């Protein structure tokens, strides 16, 4: 069973930085995409950043471009999200998710939560103004 464990969330002031990590275990098959999605209270879950595991191509939602960087360490099977210049509107629960060869689901684009077959439990990010 695929297991994703996020860490690195916390509370920062606006303008600060955080780095989220996601350790992936329990699966040795092919992963296609790994992503970070977030959900703030009262809002829909949205894709923030995605990396195509084969070639490292990345996708970012417009609101985080130039501030967030997604990266992967294949040897450690770990996904990262470096978040700089954080804004109060970045506050949310951040989830790590993966699209694998065997999850049985479709692909609806990197920003759609429906694209990902496995999820972590989330890590909270709070940004104070």
Protein backbone atom coordinates (compact mmCIF):
# COMPACT_ATOMS: atom_id res chain seq x y z
CA UNK A 1 0.00 0.00 0.00
CA UNK A 2 1.31 3.43 -0.91
CA UNK A 3 2.00 5.65 2.06
CA UNK A 4 2.76 9.36 1.89
CA UNK A 5 3.86 11.27 4.96
CA UNK A 6 4.16 15.06 4.87
CA UNK A 7 6.19 17.18 7.22
CA UNK A 8 7.52 20.70 7.48
CA UNK A 9 4.36 22.69 7.96
CA UNK A 10 4.13 25.38 10.59
CA UNK A 11 3.42 28.99 11.35
CA UNK A 12 5.34 31.82 9.72
CA UNK A 13 4.95 35.53 9.21
CA UNK A 14 4.17 36.92 5.80
CA UNK A 15 7.32 37.02 3.73
CA UNK A 16 8.75 33.98 5.45
CA UNK A 17 9.69 30.60 4.05
CA UNK A 18 8.92 26.96 4.68
CA UNK A 19 9.97 23.72 3.08
CA UNK A 20 7.50 20.85 3.01
CA UNK A 21 8.64 17.26 2.60
CA UNK A 22 6.73 14.16 1.57
CA UNK A 23 8.18 10.71 2.08
CA UNK A 24 6.74 8.02 -0.18
CA UNK A 25 6.87 4.37 0.80
CA UNK A 26 5.15 1.07 0.16
CA UNK A 27 5.21 1.29 -3.62
CA UNK A 28 7.92 0.33 -6.02
CA UNK A 29 6.05 0.70 -9.27
CA UNK A 30 6.06 3.58 -11.63
CA UNK A 31 4.84 6.98 -10.51
CA UNK A 32 3.91 9.47 -13.18
CA UNK A 33 3.29 12.66 -11.28
CA UNK A 34 3.80 13.87 -7.75
CA UNK A 35 2.08 16.97 -6.57
CA UNK A 36 1.29 19.35 -3.77
CA UNK A 37 -2.29 20.47 -3.34
CA UNK A 38 -3.81 22.68 -0.69
CA UNK A 39 -7.15 23.37 0.85
CA UNK A 40 -8.08 26.37 2.90
CA UNK A 41 -11.20 26.45 5.07
CA UNK A 42 -14.29 26.97 2.97
CA UNK A 43 -12.41 26.57 -0.29
CA UNK A 44 -11.94 23.77 -2.76
CA UNK A 45 -8.77 21.78 -2.85
CA UNK A 46 -6.43 23.14 -5.52
CA UNK A 47 -3.28 21.96 -7.17
CA UNK A 48 -0.29 24.09 -6.24
CA UNK A 49 2.68 22.39 -7.89
CA UNK A 50 3.28 19.16 -9.75
CA UNK A 51 6.37 17.39 -11.02
CA UNK A 52 6.49 14.80 -13.76
CA UNK A 53 8.71 12.18 -12.20
CA UNK A 54 10.24 10.92 -15.44
CA UNK A 55 11.76 14.15 -16.70
CA UNK A 56 11.28 16.64 -13.88
CA UNK A 57 8.91 18.90 -15.80
CA UNK A 58 6.95 21.08 -13.43
CA UNK A 59 3.62 22.84 -13.20
CA UNK A 60 2.68 25.68 -10.87
CA UNK A 61 -0.58 27.43 -10.26
CA UNK A 62 -0.24 31.08 -11.24
CA UNK A 63 -0.55 32.37 -7.69
CA UNK A 64 2.68 30.65 -6.56
CA UNK A 65 4.87 31.01 -9.65
CA UNK A 66 8.22 32.52 -8.78
CA UNK A 67 7.73 31.85 -5.06
CA UNK A 68 7.32 28.07 -4.74
CA UNK A 69 9.64 25.36 -6.04
CA UNK A 70 8.77 21.69 -6.28
CA UNK A 71 11.54 19.12 -6.39
CA UNK A 72 12.12 15.43 -5.92
CA UNK A 73 14.84 13.20 -4.58
CA UNK A 74 14.29 9.90 -6.32
CA UNK A 75 16.87 8.07 -4.24
CA UNK A 76 15.10 9.09 -1.05
CA UNK A 77 11.66 8.83 -2.66
CA UNK A 78 10.91 12.22 -1.23
CA UNK A 79 9.05 15.19 -2.66
CA UNK A 80 9.71 18.75 -1.55
CA UNK A 81 7.99 22.09 -1.80
CA UNK A 82 10.06 25.13 -1.04
CA UNK A 83 7.80 28.06 -0.30
CA UNK A 84 9.27 31.57 -0.24
CA UNK A 85 7.65 34.97 0.22
CA UNK A 86 4.66 33.39 1.86
CA UNK A 87 1.43 35.35 1.91
CA UNK A 88 -1.58 35.03 4.22
CA UNK A 89 -3.54 33.61 1.29
CA UNK A 90 -1.09 30.69 1.14
CA UNK A 91 -2.35 29.46 4.50
CA UNK A 92 -3.97 26.05 4.08
CA UNK A 93 -3.62 22.36 4.69
CA UNK A 94 -1.05 21.13 2.20
CA UNK A 95 -1.31 17.62 0.83
CA UNK A 96 1.18 15.50 -1.04
CA UNK A 97 -0.32 13.26 -3.71
CA UNK A 98 0.89 10.87 -6.39
CA UNK A 99 -0.37 9.51 -9.66
CA UNK A 100 0.84 5.95 -10.15
CA UNK A 101 0.60 3.40 -12.87
CA UNK A 102 -1.64 1.21 -10.78
CA UNK A 103 -4.04 3.59 -9.08
CA UNK A 104 -6.80 2.95 -11.59
CA UNK A 105 -7.74 6.57 -12.01
CA UNK A 106 -7.68 9.00 -14.90
CA UNK A 107 -5.63 12.09 -15.54
CA UNK A 108 -7.46 15.39 -15.39
CA UNK A 109 -4.49 17.68 -15.38
CA UNK A 110 -1.97 18.58 -12.70
CA UNK A 111 -4.26 20.97 -10.87
CA UNK A 112 -7.18 18.59 -10.42
CA UNK A 113 -7.38 16.58 -7.20
CA UNK A 114 -9.11 13.87 -9.24
CA UNK A 115 -5.85 13.11 -11.02
CA UNK A 116 -4.11 11.69 -7.97
CA UNK A 117 -4.64 8.22 -6.62
CA UNK A 118 -2.84 8.40 -3.30
CA UNK A 119 -2.70 11.13 -0.69
CA UNK A 120 -0.91 12.00 2.48
CA UNK A 121 -2.63 13.17 5.63
CA UNK A 122 -1.67 16.79 5.13
CA UNK A 123 0.47 19.34 6.91
CA UNK A 124 -0.83 22.71 8.07
CA UNK A 125 0.69 25.97 6.93
CA UNK A 126 -0.29 29.16 8.73
CA UNK A 127 0.83 32.58 7.55
CA UNK A 128 0.26 35.62 9.71
CA UNK A 129 0.20 39.14 8.34
